[in-house]
Amino acid sequence: YLDSNSEGEHCGSLSQYAYIEKVRPKVNVFGHIHEDYGHIIKQWKNT
């Protein structure tokens, strides 16, 4: 999720995603990966 560097590599945290998938917060705000500024909305299945 907005974690791609200039080489196209995904640099995000799998553990953090597992937490988000479980808790489903309204928002996750972050930075760190300068190349992938922007926003995405994830609709959780069957909810």
ModelCIF file with pLDDT and N, C-alpha, C, O atoms, coordinates in Angstrom:
data_MODEL
#
_entry.id   MODEL 
#
_entity.id                         1 
_entity.type                       polymer 
_entity.pdbx_number_of_molecules   1 
#
_entity_poly.entity_id                      1 
_entity_poly.type                           'polypeptide(L)' 
_entity_poly.nstd_linkage                   no 
_entity_poly.nstd_monomer                   no 
_entity_poly.pdbx_seq_one_letter_code       YLDSNSEGEHCGSLSQYAYIEKVRPKVNVFGHIHEDYGHIIKQWKNT 
_entity_poly.pdbx_seq_one_letter_code_can   YLDSNSEGEHCGSLSQYAYIEKVRPKVNVFGHIHEDYGHIIKQWKNT 
_entity_poly.pdbx_strand_id                 A 
#
loop_
_entity_poly_seq.entity_id 
_entity_poly_seq.num 
_entity_poly_seq.mon_id 
_entity_poly_seq.hetero 
1 1  TYR n 
1 2  LEU n 
1 3  ASP n 
1 4  SER n 
1 5  ASN n 
1 6  SER n 
1 7  GLU n 
1 8  GLY n 
1 9  GLU n 
1 10 HIS n 
1 11 CYS n 
1 12 GLY n 
1 13 SER n 
1 14 LEU n 
1 15 SER n 
1 16 GLN n 
1 17 TYR n 
1 18 ALA n 
1 19 TYR n 
1 20 ILE n 
1 21 GLU n 
1 22 LYS n 
1 23 VAL n 
1 24 ARG n 
1 25 PRO n 
1 26 LYS n 
1 27 VAL n 
1 28 ASN n 
1 29 VAL n 
1 30 PHE n 
1 31 GLY n 
1 32 HIS n 
1 33 ILE n 
1 34 HIS n 
1 35 GLU n 
1 36 ASP n 
1 37 TYR n 
1 38 GLY n 
1 39 HIS n 
1 40 ILE n 
1 41 ILE n 
1 42 LYS n 
1 43 GLN n 
1 44 TRP n 
1 45 LYS n 
1 46 ASN n 
1 47 THR n 
#
_struct_asym.id          A 
_struct_asym.entity_id   1 
#
loop_
_ma_qa_metric.id 
_ma_qa_metric.mode 
_ma_qa_metric.name 
_ma_qa_metric.software_group_id 
_ma_qa_metric.type 
1 global pLDDT . pLDDT 
2 local  pLDDT . pLDDT 
#
_ma_qa_metric_global.metric_id      1 
_ma_qa_metric_global.metric_value   96.19 
_ma_qa_metric_global.model_id       1 
_ma_qa_metric_global.ordinal_id     1 
#
loop_
_ma_qa_metric_local.label_asym_id 
_ma_qa_metric_local.label_comp_id 
_ma_qa_metric_local.label_seq_id 
_ma_qa_metric_local.metric_id 
_ma_qa_metric_local.metric_value 
_ma_qa_metric_local.model_id 
_ma_qa_metric_local.ordinal_id 
A TYR 1  2 98.00 1 1  
A LEU 2  2 98.00 1 2  
A ASP 3  2 96.00 1 3  
A SER 4  2 95.00 1 4  
A ASN 5  2 94.00 1 5  
A SER 6  2 89.00 1 6  
A GLU 7  2 90.00 1 7  
A GLY 8  2 91.00 1 8  
A GLU 9  2 93.00 1 9  
A HIS 10 2 95.00 1 10 
A CYS 11 2 95.00 1 11 
A GLY 12 2 97.00 1 12 
A SER 13 2 97.00 1 13 
A LEU 14 2 97.00 1 14 
A SER 15 2 97.00 1 15 
A GLN 16 2 98.00 1 16 
A TYR 17 2 98.00 1 17 
A ALA 18 2 97.00 1 18 
A TYR 19 2 98.00 1 19 
A ILE 20 2 98.00 1 20 
A GLU 21 2 97.00 1 21 
A LYS 22 2 96.00 1 22 
A VAL 23 2 97.00 1 23 
A ARG 24 2 97.00 1 24 
A PRO 25 2 98.00 1 25 
A LYS 26 2 98.00 1 26 
A VAL 27 2 98.00 1 27 
A ASN 28 2 98.00 1 28 
A VAL 29 2 98.00 1 29 
A PHE 30 2 98.00 1 30 
A GLY 31 2 98.00 1 31 
A HIS 32 2 98.00 1 32 
A ILE 33 2 97.00 1 33 
A HIS 34 2 97.00 1 34 
A GLU 35 2 97.00 1 35 
A ASP 36 2 97.00 1 36 
A TYR 37 2 98.00 1 37 
A GLY 38 2 98.00 1 38 
A HIS 39 2 98.00 1 39 
A ILE 40 2 97.00 1 40 
A ILE 41 2 97.00 1 41 
A LYS 42 2 97.00 1 42 
A GLN 43 2 97.00 1 43 
A TRP 44 2 96.00 1 44 
A LYS 45 2 92.00 1 45 
A ASN 46 2 90.00 1 46 
A THR 47 2 91.00 1 47 
#
loop_
_atom_site.group_PDB 
_atom_site.id 
_atom_site.type_symbol 
_atom_site.label_atom_id 
_atom_site.label_alt_id 
_atom_site.label_comp_id 
_atom_site.label_asym_id 
_atom_site.label_entity_id 
_atom_site.label_seq_id 
_atom_site.pdbx_PDB_ins_code 
_atom_site.Cartn_x 
_atom_site.Cartn_y 
_atom_site.Cartn_z 
_atom_site.occupancy 
_atom_site.B_iso_or_equiv 
_atom_site.pdbx_formal_charge 
_atom_site.auth_seq_id 
_atom_site.auth_comp_id 
_atom_site.auth_asym_id 
_atom_site.auth_atom_id 
_atom_site.pdbx_PDB_model_num 
ATOM 1   N N  . TYR A 1 1  ? 0.843   -1.197 0.000  1.00 98.00 ? 1  TYR A N  1 
ATOM 2   C CA . TYR A 1 1  ? 0.000   0.000  0.000  1.00 98.00 ? 1  TYR A CA 1 
ATOM 3   C C  . TYR A 1 1  ? 0.877   1.245  0.000  1.00 98.00 ? 1  TYR A C  1 
ATOM 4   O O  . TYR A 1 1  ? 1.398   1.648  1.040  1.00 98.00 ? 1  TYR A O  1 
ATOM 5   N N  . LEU A 1 2  ? 1.036   1.854  -1.177 1.00 98.00 ? 2  LEU A N  1 
ATOM 6   C CA . LEU A 1 2  ? 1.828   3.071  -1.318 1.00 98.00 ? 2  LEU A CA 1 
ATOM 7   C C  . LEU A 1 2  ? 3.233   2.877  -0.740 1.00 98.00 ? 2  LEU A C  1 
ATOM 8   O O  . LEU A 1 2  ? 3.753   3.734  -0.026 1.00 98.00 ? 2  LEU A O  1 
ATOM 9   N N  . ASP A 1 3  ? 3.824   1.739  -1.065 1.00 96.00 ? 3  ASP A N  1 
ATOM 10  C CA . ASP A 1 3  ? 5.115   1.358  -0.476 1.00 96.00 ? 3  ASP A CA 1 
ATOM 11  C C  . ASP A 1 3  ? 6.183   1.050  -1.511 1.00 96.00 ? 3  ASP A C  1 
ATOM 12  O O  . ASP A 1 3  ? 7.191   0.424  -1.182 1.00 96.00 ? 3  ASP A O  1 
ATOM 13  N N  . SER A 1 4  ? 5.987   1.481  -2.772 1.00 95.00 ? 4  SER A N  1 
ATOM 14  C CA . SER A 1 4  ? 6.936   1.146  -3.831 1.00 95.00 ? 4  SER A CA 1 
ATOM 15  C C  . SER A 1 4  ? 8.055   2.172  -3.922 1.00 95.00 ? 4  SER A C  1 
ATOM 16  O O  . SER A 1 4  ? 7.804   3.376  -3.971 1.00 95.00 ? 4  SER A O  1 
ATOM 17  N N  . ASN A 1 5  ? 9.294   1.685  -3.945 1.00 94.00 ? 5  ASN A N  1 
ATOM 18  C CA . ASN A 1 5  ? 10.437  2.590  -4.100 1.00 94.00 ? 5  ASN A CA 1 
ATOM 19  C C  . ASN A 1 5  ? 10.734  2.811  -5.581 1.00 94.00 ? 5  ASN A C  1 
ATOM 20  O O  . ASN A 1 5  ? 9.981   2.352  -6.439 1.00 94.00 ? 5  ASN A O  1 
ATOM 21  N N  . SER A 1 6  ? 11.821  3.505  -5.881 1.00 89.00 ? 6  SER A N  1 
ATOM 22  C CA . SER A 1 6  ? 12.149  3.846  -7.263 1.00 89.00 ? 6  SER A CA 1 
ATOM 23  C C  . SER A 1 6  ? 12.479  2.624  -8.115 1.00 89.00 ? 6  SER A C  1 
ATOM 24  O O  . SER A 1 6  ? 12.451  2.697  -9.344 1.00 89.00 ? 6  SER A O  1 
ATOM 25  N N  . GLU A 1 7  ? 12.790  1.509  -7.472 1.00 90.00 ? 7  GLU A N  1 
ATOM 26  C CA . GLU A 1 7  ? 13.078  0.267  -8.192 1.00 90.00 ? 7  GLU A CA 1 
ATOM 27  C C  . GLU A 1 7  ? 11.832  -0.593 -8.371 1.00 90.00 ? 7  GLU A C  1 
ATOM 28  O O  . GLU A 1 7  ? 11.897  -1.679 -8.946 1.00 90.00 ? 7  GLU A O  1 
ATOM 29  N N  . GLY A 1 8  ? 10.707  -0.107 -7.878 1.00 91.00 ? 8  GLY A N  1 
ATOM 30  C CA . GLY A 1 8  ? 9.474   -0.875 -7.960 1.00 91.00 ? 8  GLY A CA 1 
ATOM 31  C C  . GLY A 1 8  ? 9.341   -1.927 -6.883 1.00 91.00 ? 8  GLY A C  1 
ATOM 32  O O  . GLY A 1 8  ? 8.445   -2.769 -6.945 1.00 91.00 ? 8  GLY A O  1 
ATOM 33  N N  . GLU A 1 9  ? 10.225  -1.892 -5.892 1.00 93.00 ? 9  GLU A N  1 
ATOM 34  C CA . GLU A 1 9  ? 10.178  -2.867 -4.796 1.00 93.00 ? 9  GLU A CA 1 
ATOM 35  C C  . GLU A 1 9  ? 9.163   -2.425 -3.744 1.00 93.00 ? 9  GLU A C  1 
ATOM 36  O O  . GLU A 1 9  ? 9.053   -1.238 -3.438 1.00 93.00 ? 9  GLU A O  1 
ATOM 37  N N  . HIS A 1 10 ? 8.432   -3.375 -3.198 1.00 95.00 ? 10 HIS A N  1 
ATOM 38  C CA . HIS A 1 10 ? 7.480   -3.089 -2.121 1.00 95.00 ? 10 HIS A CA 1 
ATOM 39  C C  . HIS A 1 10 ? 8.211   -3.158 -0.783 1.00 95.00 ? 10 HIS A C  1 
ATOM 40  O O  . HIS A 1 10 ? 8.755   -4.198 -0.412 1.00 95.00 ? 10 HIS A O  1 
ATOM 41  N N  . CYS A 1 11 ? 8.215   -2.050 -0.074 1.00 95.00 ? 11 CYS A N  1 
ATOM 42  C CA . CYS A 1 11 ? 9.033   -1.909 1.138  1.00 95.00 ? 11 CYS A CA 1 
ATOM 43  C C  . CYS A 1 11 ? 8.210   -1.885 2.427  1.00 95.00 ? 11 CYS A C  1 
ATOM 44  O O  . CYS A 1 11 ? 8.761   -1.665 3.505  1.00 95.00 ? 11 CYS A O  1 
ATOM 45  N N  . GLY A 1 12 ? 6.911   -2.107 2.326  1.00 97.00 ? 12 GLY A N  1 
ATOM 46  C CA . GLY A 1 12 ? 6.056   -2.004 3.495  1.00 97.00 ? 12 GLY A CA 1 
ATOM 47  C C  . GLY A 1 12 ? 6.153   -3.189 4.435  1.00 97.00 ? 12 GLY A C  1 
ATOM 48  O O  . GLY A 1 12 ? 6.816   -4.186 4.148  1.00 97.00 ? 12 GLY A O  1 
ATOM 49  N N  . SER A 1 13 ? 5.476   -3.056 5.563  1.00 97.00 ? 13 SER A N  1 
ATOM 50  C CA . SER A 1 13 ? 5.518   -4.069 6.617  1.00 97.00 ? 13 SER A CA 1 
ATOM 51  C C  . SER A 1 13 ? 4.363   -5.059 6.493  1.00 97.00 ? 13 SER A C  1 
ATOM 52  O O  . SER A 1 13 ? 3.197   -4.666 6.509  1.00 97.00 ? 13 SER A O  1 
ATOM 53  N N  . LEU A 1 14 ? 4.692   -6.336 6.370  1.00 97.00 ? 14 LEU A N  1 
ATOM 54  C CA . LEU A 1 14 ? 3.676   -7.384 6.334  1.00 97.00 ? 14 LEU A CA 1 
ATOM 55  C C  . LEU A 1 14 ? 2.950   -7.476 7.663  1.00 97.00 ? 14 LEU A C  1 
ATOM 56  O O  . LEU A 1 14 ? 1.732   -7.653 7.691  1.00 97.00 ? 14 LEU A O  1 
ATOM 57  N N  . SER A 1 15 ? 3.668   -7.359 8.749  1.00 97.00 ? 15 SER A N  1 
ATOM 58  C CA . SER A 1 15 ? 3.065   -7.453 10.081 1.00 97.00 ? 15 SER A CA 1 
ATOM 59  C C  . SER A 1 15 ? 2.093   -6.310 10.326 1.00 97.00 ? 15 SER A C  1 
ATOM 60  O O  . SER A 1 15 ? 1.029   -6.499 10.915 1.00 97.00 ? 15 SER A O  1 
ATOM 61  N N  . GLN A 1 16 ? 2.468   -5.133 9.873  1.00 98.00 ? 16 GLN A N  1 
ATOM 62  C CA . GLN A 1 16 ? 1.581   -3.975 10.005 1.00 98.00 ? 16 GLN A CA 1 
ATOM 63  C C  . GLN A 1 16 ? 0.303   -4.183 9.198  1.00 98.00 ? 16 GLN A C  1 
ATOM 64  O O  . GLN A 1 16 ? -0.789  -3.860 9.666  1.00 98.00 ? 16 GLN A O  1 
ATOM 65  N N  . TYR A 1 17 ? 0.437   -4.723 7.985  1.00 98.00 ? 17 TYR A N  1 
ATOM 66  C CA . TYR A 1 17 ? -0.763  -4.989 7.189  1.00 98.00 ? 17 TYR A CA 1 
ATOM 67  C C  . TYR A 1 17 ? -1.663  -6.022 7.877  1.00 98.00 ? 17 TYR A C  1 
ATOM 68  O O  . TYR A 1 17 ? -2.883  -5.858 7.893  1.00 98.00 ? 17 TYR A O  1 
ATOM 69  N N  . ALA A 1 18 ? -1.083  -7.072 8.440  1.00 97.00 ? 18 ALA A N  1 
ATOM 70  C CA . ALA A 1 18 ? -1.879  -8.097 9.136  1.00 97.00 ? 18 ALA A CA 1 
ATOM 71  C C  . ALA A 1 18 ? -2.665  -7.471 10.284 1.00 97.00 ? 18 ALA A C  1 
ATOM 72  O O  . ALA A 1 18 ? -3.819  -7.826 10.522 1.00 97.00 ? 18 ALA A O  1 
ATOM 73  N N  . TYR A 1 19 ? -2.033  -6.542 10.988 1.00 98.00 ? 19 TYR A N  1 
ATOM 74  C CA . TYR A 1 19 ? -2.724  -5.831 12.063 1.00 98.00 ? 19 TYR A CA 1 
ATOM 75  C C  . TYR A 1 19 ? -3.890  -5.013 11.504 1.00 98.00 ? 19 TYR A C  1 
ATOM 76  O O  . TYR A 1 19 ? -4.992  -5.048 12.050 1.00 98.00 ? 19 TYR A O  1 
ATOM 77  N N  . ILE A 1 20 ? -3.649  -4.285 10.428 1.00 98.00 ? 20 ILE A N  1 
ATOM 78  C CA . ILE A 1 20 ? -4.690  -3.449 9.835  1.00 98.00 ? 20 ILE A CA 1 
ATOM 79  C C  . ILE A 1 20 ? -5.842  -4.300 9.321  1.00 98.00 ? 20 ILE A C  1 
ATOM 80  O O  . ILE A 1 20 ? -7.006  -3.930 9.475  1.00 98.00 ? 20 ILE A O  1 
ATOM 81  N N  . GLU A 1 21 ? -5.528  -5.427 8.717  1.00 97.00 ? 21 GLU A N  1 
ATOM 82  C CA . GLU A 1 21 ? -6.558  -6.332 8.217  1.00 97.00 ? 21 GLU A CA 1 
ATOM 83  C C  . GLU A 1 21 ? -7.440  -6.835 9.355  1.00 97.00 ? 21 GLU A C  1 
ATOM 84  O O  . GLU A 1 21 ? -8.645  -7.018 9.182  1.00 97.00 ? 21 GLU A O  1 
ATOM 85  N N  . LYS A 1 22 ? -6.833  -7.056 10.512 1.00 96.00 ? 22 LYS A N  1 
ATOM 86  C CA . LYS A 1 22 ? -7.581  -7.542 11.679 1.00 96.00 ? 22 LYS A CA 1 
ATOM 87  C C  . LYS A 1 22 ? -8.422  -6.430 12.321 1.00 96.00 ? 22 LYS A C  1 
ATOM 88  O O  . LYS A 1 22 ? -9.588  -6.642 12.656 1.00 96.00 ? 22 LYS A O  1 
ATOM 89  N N  . VAL A 1 23 ? -7.828  -5.256 12.486 1.00 97.00 ? 23 VAL A N  1 
ATOM 90  C CA . VAL A 1 23 ? -8.466  -4.171 13.244 1.00 97.00 ? 23 VAL A CA 1 
ATOM 91  C C  . VAL A 1 23 ? -9.330  -3.279 12.362 1.00 97.00 ? 23 VAL A C  1 
ATOM 92  O O  . VAL A 1 23 ? -10.340 -2.750 12.826 1.00 97.00 ? 23 VAL A O  1 
ATOM 93  N N  . ARG A 1 24 ? -8.956  -3.106 11.117 1.00 97.00 ? 24 ARG A N  1 
ATOM 94  C CA . ARG A 1 24 ? -9.666  -2.271 10.153 1.00 97.00 ? 24 ARG A CA 1 
ATOM 95  C C  . ARG A 1 24 ? -9.857  -0.841 10.655 1.00 97.00 ? 24 ARG A C  1 
ATOM 96  O O  . ARG A 1 24 ? -10.991 -0.383 10.800 1.00 97.00 ? 24 ARG A O  1 
ATOM 97  N N  . PRO A 1 25 ? -8.765  -0.139 10.919 1.00 98.00 ? 25 PRO A N  1 
ATOM 98  C CA . PRO A 1 25 ? -8.885  1.265  11.319 1.00 98.00 ? 25 PRO A CA 1 
ATOM 99  C C  . PRO A 1 25 ? -9.451  2.080  10.163 1.00 98.00 ? 25 PRO A C  1 
ATOM 100 O O  . PRO A 1 25 ? -9.405  1.654  9.009  1.00 98.00 ? 25 PRO A O  1 
ATOM 101 N N  . LYS A 1 26 ? -9.980  3.248  10.481 1.00 98.00 ? 26 LYS A N  1 
ATOM 102 C CA . LYS A 1 26 ? -10.524 4.109  9.433  1.00 98.00 ? 26 LYS A CA 1 
ATOM 103 C C  . LYS A 1 26 ? -9.414  4.657  8.532  1.00 98.00 ? 26 LYS A C  1 
ATOM 104 O O  . LYS A 1 26 ? -9.598  4.836  7.328  1.00 98.00 ? 26 LYS A O  1 
ATOM 105 N N  . VAL A 1 27 ? -8.258  4.920  9.149  1.00 98.00 ? 27 VAL A N  1 
ATOM 106 C CA . VAL A 1 27 ? -7.162  5.568  8.421  1.00 98.00 ? 27 VAL A CA 1 
ATOM 107 C C  . VAL A 1 27 ? -5.822  5.020  8.885  1.00 98.00 ? 27 VAL A C  1 
ATOM 108 O O  . VAL A 1 27 ? -5.637  4.738  10.069 1.00 98.00 ? 27 VAL A O  1 
ATOM 109 N N  . ASN A 1 28 ? -4.878  4.867  7.944  1.00 98.00 ? 28 ASN A N  1 
ATOM 110 C CA . ASN A 1 28 ? -3.466  4.673  8.270  1.00 98.00 ? 28 ASN A CA 1 
ATOM 111 C C  . ASN A 1 28 ? -2.690  5.782  7.567  1.00 98.00 ? 28 ASN A C  1 
ATOM 112 O O  . ASN A 1 28 ? -2.665  5.855  6.338  1.00 98.00 ? 28 ASN A O  1 
ATOM 113 N N  . VAL A 1 29 ? -2.056  6.645  8.365  1.00 98.00 ? 29 VAL A N  1 
ATOM 114 C CA . VAL A 1 29 ? -1.233  7.742  7.861  1.00 98.00 ? 29 VAL A CA 1 
ATOM 115 C C  . VAL A 1 29 ? 0.229   7.349  8.018  1.00 98.00 ? 29 VAL A C  1 
ATOM 116 O O  . VAL A 1 29 ? 0.636   6.868  9.075  1.00 98.00 ? 29 VAL A O  1 
ATOM 117 N N  . PHE A 1 30 ? 1.018   7.552  6.969  1.00 98.00 ? 30 PHE A N  1 
ATOM 118 C CA . PHE A 1 30 ? 2.429   7.167  7.034  1.00 98.00 ? 30 PHE A CA 1 
ATOM 119 C C  . PHE A 1 30 ? 3.221   7.960  6.004  1.00 98.00 ? 30 PHE A C  1 
ATOM 120 O O  . PHE A 1 30 ? 2.668   8.770  5.260  1.00 98.00 ? 30 PHE A O  1 
ATOM 121 N N  . GLY A 1 31 ? 4.526   7.712  5.976  1.00 98.00 ? 31 GLY A N  1 
ATOM 122 C CA . GLY A 1 31 ? 5.411   8.332  4.996  1.00 98.00 ? 31 GLY A CA 1 
ATOM 123 C C  . GLY A 1 31 ? 6.488   7.342  4.616  1.00 98.00 ? 31 GLY A C  1 
ATOM 124 O O  . GLY A 1 31 ? 6.193   6.237  4.159  1.00 98.00 ? 31 GLY A O  1 
ATOM 125 N N  . HIS A 1 32 ? 7.758   7.740  4.805  1.00 98.00 ? 32 HIS A N  1 
ATOM 126 C CA . HIS A 1 32 ? 8.925   6.872  4.670  1.00 98.00 ? 32 HIS A CA 1 
ATOM 127 C C  . HIS A 1 32 ? 9.316   6.593  3.220  1.00 98.00 ? 32 HIS A C  1 
ATOM 128 O O  . HIS A 1 32 ? 10.480  6.761  2.858  1.00 98.00 ? 32 HIS A O  1 
ATOM 129 N N  . ILE A 1 33 ? 8.365   6.170  2.381  1.00 97.00 ? 33 ILE A N  1 
ATOM 130 C CA . ILE A 1 33 ? 8.660   5.867  0.986  1.00 97.00 ? 33 ILE A CA 1 
ATOM 131 C C  . ILE A 1 33 ? 8.324   7.101  0.149  1.00 97.00 ? 33 ILE A C  1 
ATOM 132 O O  . ILE A 1 33 ? 7.169   7.334  -0.207 1.00 97.00 ? 33 ILE A O  1 
ATOM 133 N N  . HIS A 1 34 ? 9.344   7.874  -0.152 1.00 97.00 ? 34 HIS A N  1 
ATOM 134 C CA . HIS A 1 34 ? 9.159   9.174  -0.795 1.00 97.00 ? 34 HIS A CA 1 
ATOM 135 C C  . HIS A 1 34 ? 8.542   9.070  -2.185 1.00 97.00 ? 34 HIS A C  1 
ATOM 136 O O  . HIS A 1 34 ? 7.898   10.010 -2.650 1.00 97.00 ? 34 HIS A O  1 
ATOM 137 N N  . GLU A 1 35 ? 8.734   7.932  -2.852 1.00 97.00 ? 35 GLU A N  1 
ATOM 138 C CA . GLU A 1 35 ? 8.301   7.793  -4.243 1.00 97.00 ? 35 GLU A CA 1 
ATOM 139 C C  . GLU A 1 35 ? 6.806   7.522  -4.393 1.00 97.00 ? 35 GLU A C  1 
ATOM 140 O O  . GLU A 1 35 ? 6.294   7.568  -5.512 1.00 97.00 ? 35 GLU A O  1 
ATOM 141 N N  . ASP A 1 36 ? 6.084   7.239  -3.295 1.00 97.00 ? 36 ASP A N  1 
ATOM 142 C CA . ASP A 1 36 ? 4.712   6.735  -3.440 1.00 97.00 ? 36 ASP A CA 1 
ATOM 143 C C  . ASP A 1 36 ? 3.685   7.570  -2.680 1.00 97.00 ? 36 ASP A C  1 
ATOM 144 O O  . ASP A 1 36 ? 2.767   7.037  -2.057 1.00 97.00 ? 36 ASP A O  1 
ATOM 145 N N  . TYR A 1 37 ? 3.857   8.876  -2.742 1.00 98.00 ? 37 TYR A N  1 
ATOM 146 C CA . TYR A 1 37 ? 2.895   9.822  -2.146 1.00 98.00 ? 37 TYR A CA 1 
ATOM 147 C C  . TYR A 1 37 ? 1.506   9.626  -2.768 1.00 98.00 ? 37 TYR A C  1 
ATOM 148 O O  . TYR A 1 37 ? 1.379   9.367  -3.964 1.00 98.00 ? 37 TYR A O  1 
ATOM 149 N N  . GLY A 1 38 ? 0.478   9.753  -1.937 1.00 98.00 ? 38 GLY A N  1 
ATOM 150 C CA . GLY A 1 38 ? -0.884  9.653  -2.447 1.00 98.00 ? 38 GLY A CA 1 
ATOM 151 C C  . GLY A 1 38 ? -1.798  8.949  -1.462 1.00 98.00 ? 38 GLY A C  1 
ATOM 152 O O  . GLY A 1 38 ? -1.460  8.797  -0.288 1.00 98.00 ? 38 GLY A O  1 
ATOM 153 N N  . HIS A 1 39 ? -2.959  8.518  -1.944 1.00 98.00 ? 39 HIS A N  1 
ATOM 154 C CA . HIS A 1 39 ? -3.867  7.788  -1.055 1.00 98.00 ? 39 HIS A CA 1 
ATOM 155 C C  . HIS A 1 39 ? -4.627  6.709  -1.809 1.00 98.00 ? 39 HIS A C  1 
ATOM 156 O O  . HIS A 1 39 ? -4.856  6.806  -3.014 1.00 98.00 ? 39 HIS A O  1 
ATOM 157 N N  . ILE A 1 40 ? -5.009  5.681  -1.066 1.00 97.00 ? 40 ILE A N  1 
ATOM 158 C CA . ILE A 1 40 ? -5.765  4.536  -1.565 1.00 97.00 ? 40 ILE A CA 1 
ATOM 159 C C  . ILE A 1 40 ? -6.821  4.195  -0.524 1.00 97.00 ? 40 ILE A C  1 
ATOM 160 O O  . ILE A 1 40 ? -6.575  4.308  0.676  1.00 97.00 ? 40 ILE A O  1 
ATOM 161 N N  . ILE A 1 41 ? -7.995  3.777  -0.983 1.00 97.00 ? 41 ILE A N  1 
ATOM 162 C CA . ILE A 1 41 ? -9.034  3.316  -0.062 1.00 97.00 ? 41 ILE A CA 1 
ATOM 163 C C  . ILE A 1 41 ? -9.243  1.823  -0.272 1.00 97.00 ? 41 ILE A C  1 
ATOM 164 O O  . ILE A 1 41 ? -9.479  1.363  -1.390 1.00 97.00 ? 41 ILE A O  1 
ATOM 165 N N  . LYS A 1 42 ? -9.152  1.079  0.821  1.00 97.00 ? 42 LYS A N  1 
ATOM 166 C CA . LYS A 1 42 ? -9.349  -0.375 0.791  1.00 97.00 ? 42 LYS A CA 1 
ATOM 167 C C  . LYS A 1 42 ? -10.726 -0.708 1.363  1.00 97.00 ? 42 LYS A C  1 
ATOM 168 O O  . LYS A 1 42 ? -10.997 -0.439 2.533  1.00 97.00 ? 42 LYS A O  1 
ATOM 169 N N  . GLN A 1 43 ? -11.587 -1.289 0.543  1.00 97.00 ? 43 GLN A N  1 
ATOM 170 C CA . GLN A 1 43 ? -12.898 -1.745 0.996  1.00 97.00 ? 43 GLN A CA 1 
ATOM 171 C C  . GLN A 1 43 ? -12.764 -3.190 1.464  1.00 97.00 ? 43 GLN A C  1 
ATOM 172 O O  . GLN A 1 43 ? -12.345 -4.055 0.695  1.00 97.00 ? 43 GLN A O  1 
ATOM 173 N N  . TRP A 1 44 ? -13.110 -3.453 2.696  1.00 96.00 ? 44 TRP A N  1 
ATOM 174 C CA . TRP A 1 44 ? -12.957 -4.793 3.234  1.00 96.00 ? 44 TRP A CA 1 
ATOM 175 C C  . TRP A 1 44 ? -14.114 -5.678 2.776  1.00 96.00 ? 44 TRP A C  1 
ATOM 176 O O  . TRP A 1 44 ? -15.274 -5.266 2.806  1.00 96.00 ? 44 TRP A O  1 
ATOM 177 N N  . LYS A 1 45 ? -13.789 -6.888 2.357  1.00 92.00 ? 45 LYS A N  1 
ATOM 178 C CA . LYS A 1 45 ? -14.778 -7.793 1.782  1.00 92.00 ? 45 LYS A CA 1 
ATOM 179 C C  . LYS A 1 45 ? -15.883 -8.135 2.780  1.00 92.00 ? 45 LYS A C  1 
ATOM 180 O O  . LYS A 1 45 ? -15.638 -8.337 3.970  1.00 92.00 ? 45 LYS A O  1 
ATOM 181 N N  . ASN A 1 46 ? -17.094 -8.191 2.257  1.00 90.00 ? 46 ASN A N  1 
ATOM 182 C CA . ASN A 1 46 ? -18.277 -8.617 3.008  1.00 90.00 ? 46 ASN A CA 1 
ATOM 183 C C  . ASN A 1 46 ? -18.576 -7.725 4.224  1.00 90.00 ? 46 ASN A C  1 
ATOM 184 O O  . ASN A 1 46 ? -19.194 -8.171 5.190  1.00 90.00 ? 46 ASN A O  1 
ATOM 185 N N  . THR A 1 47 ? -18.131 -6.468 4.165  1.00 91.00 ? 47 THR A N  1 
ATOM 186 C CA . THR A 1 47 ? -18.413 -5.515 5.240  1.00 91.00 ? 47 THR A CA 1 
ATOM 187 C C  . THR A 1 47 ? -18.689 -4.150 4.621  1.00 91.00 ? 47 THR A C  1 
ATOM 188 O O  . THR A 1 47 ? -18.952 -3.187 5.342  1.00 91.00 ? 47 THR A O  1 
#
